[in-house]
Amino acid sequence: MAADLLLATWGAAFIEAHRAARQGRDPGQAQALFLAIVDRGTAGVTAAMAGTPYA
Protein backbone atom coordinates (compact mmCIF):
# COMPACT_ATOMS: atom_id res chain seq x y z
CA MET A 1 0.00 0.00 0.00
CA ALA A 2 2.75 2.43 0.91
CA ALA A 3 4.54 1.79 -2.36
CA ASP A 4 1.35 2.46 -4.33
CA LEU A 5 0.78 5.71 -2.46
CA LEU A 6 4.34 6.83 -3.09
CA LEU A 7 4.08 5.94 -6.76
CA ALA A 8 0.84 7.90 -7.07
CA THR A 9 2.46 10.86 -5.30
CA TRP A 10 5.43 10.90 -7.66
CA GLY A 11 3.16 10.52 -10.68
CA ALA A 12 0.96 13.42 -9.64
CA ALA A 13 4.01 15.54 -8.83
CA PHE A 14 5.54 14.85 -12.23
CA ILE A 15 2.31 15.69 -14.07
CA GLU A 16 1.82 18.95 -12.19
CA ALA A 17 5.44 20.04 -12.59
CA HIS A 18 5.32 19.20 -16.28
CA ARG A 19 2.12 21.21 -16.64
CA ALA A 20 3.74 24.17 -14.89
CA ALA A 21 6.77 23.97 -17.18
CA ARG A 22 4.55 23.82 -20.28
CA GLN A 23 2.72 26.94 -19.11
CA GLY A 24 6.00 28.82 -19.29
CA ARG A 25 6.95 28.97 -15.64
CA ASP A 26 10.55 29.17 -14.64
CA PRO A 27 12.13 25.67 -14.45
CA GLY A 28 13.04 26.40 -10.84
CA GLN A 29 9.38 26.97 -10.02
CA ALA A 30 8.39 23.70 -11.68
CA GLN A 31 11.07 21.90 -9.69
CA ALA A 32 9.93 23.53 -6.45
CA LEU A 33 6.34 22.52 -7.22
CA PHE A 34 7.44 18.93 -7.84
CA LEU A 35 9.35 18.77 -4.57
CA ALA A 36 6.52 20.38 -2.58
CA ILE A 37 4.03 17.80 -3.87
CA VAL A 38 6.43 14.95 -3.11
CA ASP A 39 6.96 16.31 0.42
CA ARG A 40 3.21 16.55 1.06
CA GLY A 41 2.61 13.09 -0.38
CA THR A 42 5.37 11.56 1.69
CA ALA A 43 3.90 13.10 4.83
CA GLY A 44 0.54 11.60 3.87
CA VAL A 45 2.06 8.15 3.41
CA THR A 46 3.80 8.45 6.77
CA ALA A 47 0.49 9.35 8.41
CA ALA A 48 -1.33 6.52 6.64
CA MET A 49 1.24 3.99 7.81
CA ALA A 50 1.23 5.19 11.43
CA GLY A 51 0.15 2.44 13.79
CA THR A 52 0.89 -0.32 11.29
CA PRO A 53 3.78 -2.76 11.30
CA TYR A 54 5.23 -0.81 8.35
CA ALA A 55 5.64 2.47 10.22
C-alpha atoms as a PDB file:
ATOM      1  CA  MET A   1       0.000   0.000   0.000  1.00  0.00           C
ATOM      2  CA  ALA A   2       2.754   2.433   0.914  1.00  0.00           C
ATOM      3  CA  ALA A   3       4.542   1.794  -2.364  1.00  0.00           C
ATOM      4  CA  ASP A   4       1.345   2.458  -4.328  1.00  0.00           C
ATOM      5  CA  LEU A   5       0.779   5.707  -2.458  1.00  0.00           C
ATOM      6  CA  LEU A   6       4.342   6.832  -3.092  1.00  0.00           C
ATOM      7  CA  LEU A   7       4.081   5.938  -6.764  1.00  0.00           C
ATOM      8  CA  ALA A   8       0.843   7.902  -7.073  1.00  0.00           C
ATOM      9  CA  THR A   9       2.459  10.856  -5.301  1.00  0.00           C
ATOM     10  CA  TRP A  10       5.431  10.900  -7.663  1.00  0.00           C
ATOM     11  CA  GLY A  11       3.156  10.515 -10.684  1.00  0.00           C
ATOM     12  CA  ALA A  12       0.963  13.420  -9.635  1.00  0.00           C
ATOM     13  CA  ALA A  13       4.007  15.544  -8.829  1.00  0.00           C
ATOM     14  CA  PHE A  14       5.536  14.845 -12.232  1.00  0.00           C
ATOM     15  CA  ILE A  15       2.310  15.689 -14.070  1.00  0.00           C
ATOM     16  CA  GLU A  16       1.819  18.952 -12.186  1.00  0.00           C
ATOM     17  CA  ALA A  17       5.440  20.037 -12.589  1.00  0.00           C
ATOM     18  CA  HIS A  18       5.324  19.196 -16.284  1.00  0.00           C
ATOM     19  CA  ARG A  19       2.120  21.212 -16.641  1.00  0.00           C
ATOM     20  CA  ALA A  20       3.740  24.175 -14.885  1.00  0.00           C
ATOM     21  CA  ALA A  21       6.766  23.967 -17.181  1.00  0.00           C
ATOM     22  CA  ARG A  22       4.551  23.822 -20.282  1.00  0.00           C
ATOM     23  CA  GLN A  23       2.721  26.937 -19.109  1.00  0.00           C
ATOM     24  CA  GLY A  24       6.000  28.819 -19.288  1.00  0.00           C
ATOM     25  CA  ARG A  25       6.946  28.972 -15.639  1.00  0.00           C
ATOM     26  CA  ASP A  26      10.549  29.166 -14.639  1.00  0.00           C
ATOM     27  CA  PRO A  27      12.129  25.669 -14.448  1.00  0.00           C
ATOM     28  CA  GLY A  28      13.040  26.397 -10.841  1.00  0.00           C
ATOM     29  CA  GLN A  29       9.377  26.973 -10.025  1.00  0.00           C
ATOM     30  CA  ALA A  30       8.387  23.703 -11.682  1.00  0.00           C
ATOM     31  CA  GLN A  31      11.067  21.900  -9.691  1.00  0.00           C
ATOM     32  CA  ALA A  32       9.926  23.534  -6.455  1.00  0.00           C
ATOM     33  CA  LEU A  33       6.338  22.518  -7.223  1.00  0.00           C
ATOM     34  CA  PHE A  34       7.442  18.929  -7.840  1.00  0.00           C
ATOM     35  CA  LEU A  35       9.353  18.770  -4.566  1.00  0.00           C
ATOM     36  CA  ALA A  36       6.518  20.382  -2.583  1.00  0.00           C
ATOM     37  CA  ILE A  37       4.027  17.802  -3.870  1.00  0.00           C
ATOM     38  CA  VAL A  38       6.432  14.947  -3.106  1.00  0.00           C
ATOM     39  CA  ASP A  39       6.956  16.313   0.418  1.00  0.00           C
ATOM     40  CA  ARG A  40       3.209  16.545   1.064  1.00  0.00           C
ATOM     41  CA  GLY A  41       2.605  13.093  -0.376  1.00  0.00           C
ATOM     42  CA  THR A  42       5.372  11.560   1.690  1.00  0.00           C
ATOM     43  CA  ALA A  43       3.899  13.101   4.831  1.00  0.00           C
ATOM     44  CA  GLY A  44       0.543  11.595   3.869  1.00  0.00           C
ATOM     45  CA  VAL A  45       2.064   8.151   3.407  1.00  0.00           C
ATOM     46  CA  THR A  46       3.803   8.452   6.772  1.00  0.00           C
ATOM     47  CA  ALA A  47       0.486   9.355   8.406  1.00  0.00           C
ATOM     48  CA  ALA A  48      -1.331   6.524   6.639  1.00  0.00           C
ATOM     49  CA  MET A  49       1.244   3.991   7.809  1.00  0.00           C
ATOM     50  CA  ALA A  50       1.227   5.194  11.428  1.00  0.00           C
ATOM     51  CA  GLY A  51       0.153   2.444  13.786  1.00  0.00           C
ATOM     52  CA  THR A  52       0.885  -0.321  11.290  1.00  0.00           C
ATOM     53  CA  PRO A  53       3.780  -2.763  11.299  1.00  0.00           C
ATOM     54  CA  TYR A  54       5.231  -0.807   8.350  1.00  0.00           C
ATOM     55  CA  ALA A  55       5.641   2.469  10.223  1.00  0.00           C
END
